[in-house]
């Protein structure tokens, strides 16, 4: 089981295709992983969202979502080798 206490970030990207490729590599090598998707335009408990203030004119949609992939600490080295082959 991957928890906040035993995980390590292996990959981060704004590209859906890149994160899908990394996830496929991890799946093919039997490495369990956890994906966190962060919407960079949404509000948070500490700050309001920016869309209502600034709108979305001129912003690139592909930078709206960030994909962060975590693996178990014990699998980090193997996952790193598999991803960077």
C-alpha atoms as a PDB file:
ATOM      1  CA  UNK A   1       0.000   0.000   0.000  1.00  0.00           C
ATOM      2  CA  UNK A   2       1.335   3.433  -0.951  1.00  0.00           C
ATOM      3  CA  UNK A   3       0.768   6.084   1.713  1.00  0.00           C
ATOM      4  CA  UNK A   4       2.001   9.614   2.244  1.00  0.00           C
ATOM      5  CA  UNK A   5       4.649   8.249   4.625  1.00  0.00           C
ATOM      6  CA  UNK A   6       6.202   5.633   2.343  1.00  0.00           C
ATOM      7  CA  UNK A   7       5.961   7.185  -1.115  1.00  0.00           C
ATOM      8  CA  UNK A   8       8.411   9.068  -3.274  1.00  0.00           C
ATOM      9  CA  UNK A   9       7.673  11.243  -6.299  1.00  0.00           C
ATOM     10  CA  UNK A  10       9.021   9.675  -9.483  1.00  0.00           C
ATOM     11  CA  UNK A  11       7.541  11.873 -12.211  1.00  0.00           C
ATOM     12  CA  UNK A  12       5.639  15.096 -12.760  1.00  0.00           C
ATOM     13  CA  UNK A  13       4.246  16.551 -15.973  1.00  0.00           C
ATOM     14  CA  UNK A  14       1.543  18.721 -17.461  1.00  0.00           C
ATOM     15  CA  UNK A  15       1.160  16.328 -20.416  1.00  0.00           C
ATOM     16  CA  UNK A  16      -1.510  13.643 -20.298  1.00  0.00           C
ATOM     17  CA  UNK A  17       0.353  11.590 -22.924  1.00  0.00           C
ATOM     18  CA  UNK A  18       3.652  11.647 -21.005  1.00  0.00           C
ATOM     19  CA  UNK A  19       2.047  10.561 -17.750  1.00  0.00           C
ATOM     20  CA  UNK A  20       0.159   7.803 -19.572  1.00  0.00           C
ATOM     21  CA  UNK A  21       3.439   6.535 -21.061  1.00  0.00           C
ATOM     22  CA  UNK A  22       5.138   6.518 -17.651  1.00  0.00           C
ATOM     23  CA  UNK A  23       2.174   4.720 -16.094  1.00  0.00           C
ATOM     24  CA  UNK A  24       2.289   2.094 -18.853  1.00  0.00           C
ATOM     25  CA  UNK A  25       6.002   1.507 -18.209  1.00  0.00           C
ATOM     26  CA  UNK A  26       5.355   1.117 -14.485  1.00  0.00           C
ATOM     27  CA  UNK A  27       2.404  -1.224 -15.097  1.00  0.00           C
ATOM     28  CA  UNK A  28       4.403  -3.364 -17.539  1.00  0.00           C
ATOM     29  CA  UNK A  29       7.143  -3.773 -14.927  1.00  0.00           C
ATOM     30  CA  UNK A  30       4.734  -4.589 -12.091  1.00  0.00           C
ATOM     31  CA  UNK A  31       5.491  -1.422 -10.111  1.00  0.00           C
ATOM     32  CA  UNK A  32       2.568  -0.105  -8.075  1.00  0.00           C
ATOM     33  CA  UNK A  33       2.060   3.627  -8.298  1.00  0.00           C
ATOM     34  CA  UNK A  34      -0.253   6.436  -7.277  1.00  0.00           C
ATOM     35  CA  UNK A  35      -1.225   9.349  -9.527  1.00  0.00           C
ATOM     36  CA  UNK A  36      -2.244  12.720  -8.134  1.00  0.00           C
ATOM     37  CA  UNK A  37      -3.917  15.179 -10.514  1.00  0.00           C
ATOM     38  CA  UNK A  38      -3.775  18.837  -9.510  1.00  0.00           C
ATOM     39  CA  UNK A  39      -5.981  21.449 -11.180  1.00  0.00           C
ATOM     40  CA  UNK A  40      -3.829  24.586 -11.117  1.00  0.00           C
ATOM     41  CA  UNK A  41      -6.814  26.847 -11.818  1.00  0.00           C
ATOM     42  CA  UNK A  42      -9.042  25.677  -8.981  1.00  0.00           C
ATOM     43  CA  UNK A  43      -9.390  27.400  -5.666  1.00  0.00           C
ATOM     44  CA  UNK A  44      -7.782  26.148  -2.492  1.00  0.00           C
ATOM     45  CA  UNK A  45      -8.456  26.689   1.209  1.00  0.00           C
ATOM     46  CA  UNK A  46      -5.626  29.266   1.259  1.00  0.00           C
ATOM     47  CA  UNK A  47      -6.416  31.231  -1.928  1.00  0.00           C
ATOM     48  CA  UNK A  48      -9.350  31.797  -4.213  1.00  0.00           C
ATOM     49  CA  UNK A  49      -9.227  30.552  -7.766  1.00  0.00           C
ATOM     50  CA  UNK A  50      -7.883  32.958 -10.366  1.00  0.00           C
ATOM     51  CA  UNK A  51     -10.348  32.315 -13.164  1.00  0.00           C
ATOM     52  CA  UNK A  52     -12.985  34.688 -11.763  1.00  0.00           C
ATOM     53  CA  UNK A  53     -10.437  37.482 -11.424  1.00  0.00           C
ATOM     54  CA  UNK A  54      -8.259  37.076 -14.505  1.00  0.00           C
ATOM     55  CA  UNK A  55     -10.379  34.945 -16.807  1.00  0.00           C
ATOM     56  CA  UNK A  56      -8.659  32.479 -19.105  1.00  0.00           C
ATOM     57  CA  UNK A  57      -7.749  34.653 -22.091  1.00  0.00           C
ATOM     58  CA  UNK A  58      -4.230  33.936 -23.302  1.00  0.00           C
ATOM     59  CA  UNK A  59      -3.667  30.950 -21.036  1.00  0.00           C
ATOM     60  CA  UNK A  60      -2.647  27.605 -22.407  1.00  0.00           C
ATOM     61  CA  UNK A  61      -5.116  24.902 -21.477  1.00  0.00           C
ATOM     62  CA  UNK A  62      -2.402  22.214 -21.398  1.00  0.00           C
ATOM     63  CA  UNK A  63      -0.937  23.801 -18.232  1.00  0.00           C
ATOM     64  CA  UNK A  64      -4.179  23.524 -16.280  1.00  0.00           C
ATOM     65  CA  UNK A  65      -3.636  19.995 -14.952  1.00  0.00           C
ATOM     66  CA  UNK A  66      -0.442  18.695 -13.368  1.00  0.00           C
ATOM     67  CA  UNK A  67       0.096  14.943 -13.061  1.00  0.00           C
ATOM     68  CA  UNK A  68       2.293  13.741 -10.206  1.00  0.00           C
ATOM     69  CA  UNK A  69       3.235  10.060 -10.017  1.00  0.00           C
ATOM     70  CA  UNK A  70       4.415   8.471  -6.783  1.00  0.00           C
ATOM     71  CA  UNK A  71       5.887   5.015  -6.131  1.00  0.00           C
ATOM     72  CA  UNK A  72       6.750   3.175  -2.939  1.00  0.00           C
ATOM     73  CA  UNK A  73      10.171   4.157  -1.576  1.00  0.00           C
ATOM     74  CA  UNK A  74      11.466   0.607  -1.945  1.00  0.00           C
ATOM     75  CA  UNK A  75      10.512   0.588  -5.651  1.00  0.00           C
ATOM     76  CA  UNK A  76      11.970   4.008  -6.481  1.00  0.00           C
ATOM     77  CA  UNK A  77      15.309   2.843  -7.919  1.00  0.00           C
ATOM     78  CA  UNK A  78      13.710   0.170 -10.108  1.00  0.00           C
ATOM     79  CA  UNK A  79      11.024   2.587 -11.305  1.00  0.00           C
ATOM     80  CA  UNK A  80      13.641   5.219 -12.117  1.00  0.00           C
ATOM     81  CA  UNK A  81      15.649   2.734 -14.196  1.00  0.00           C
ATOM     82  CA  UNK A  82      12.548   1.543 -16.044  1.00  0.00           C
ATOM     83  CA  UNK A  83      11.355   5.053 -16.880  1.00  0.00           C
ATOM     84  CA  UNK A  84      14.734   6.288 -18.105  1.00  0.00           C
ATOM     85  CA  UNK A  85      15.667   3.325 -20.322  1.00  0.00           C
END
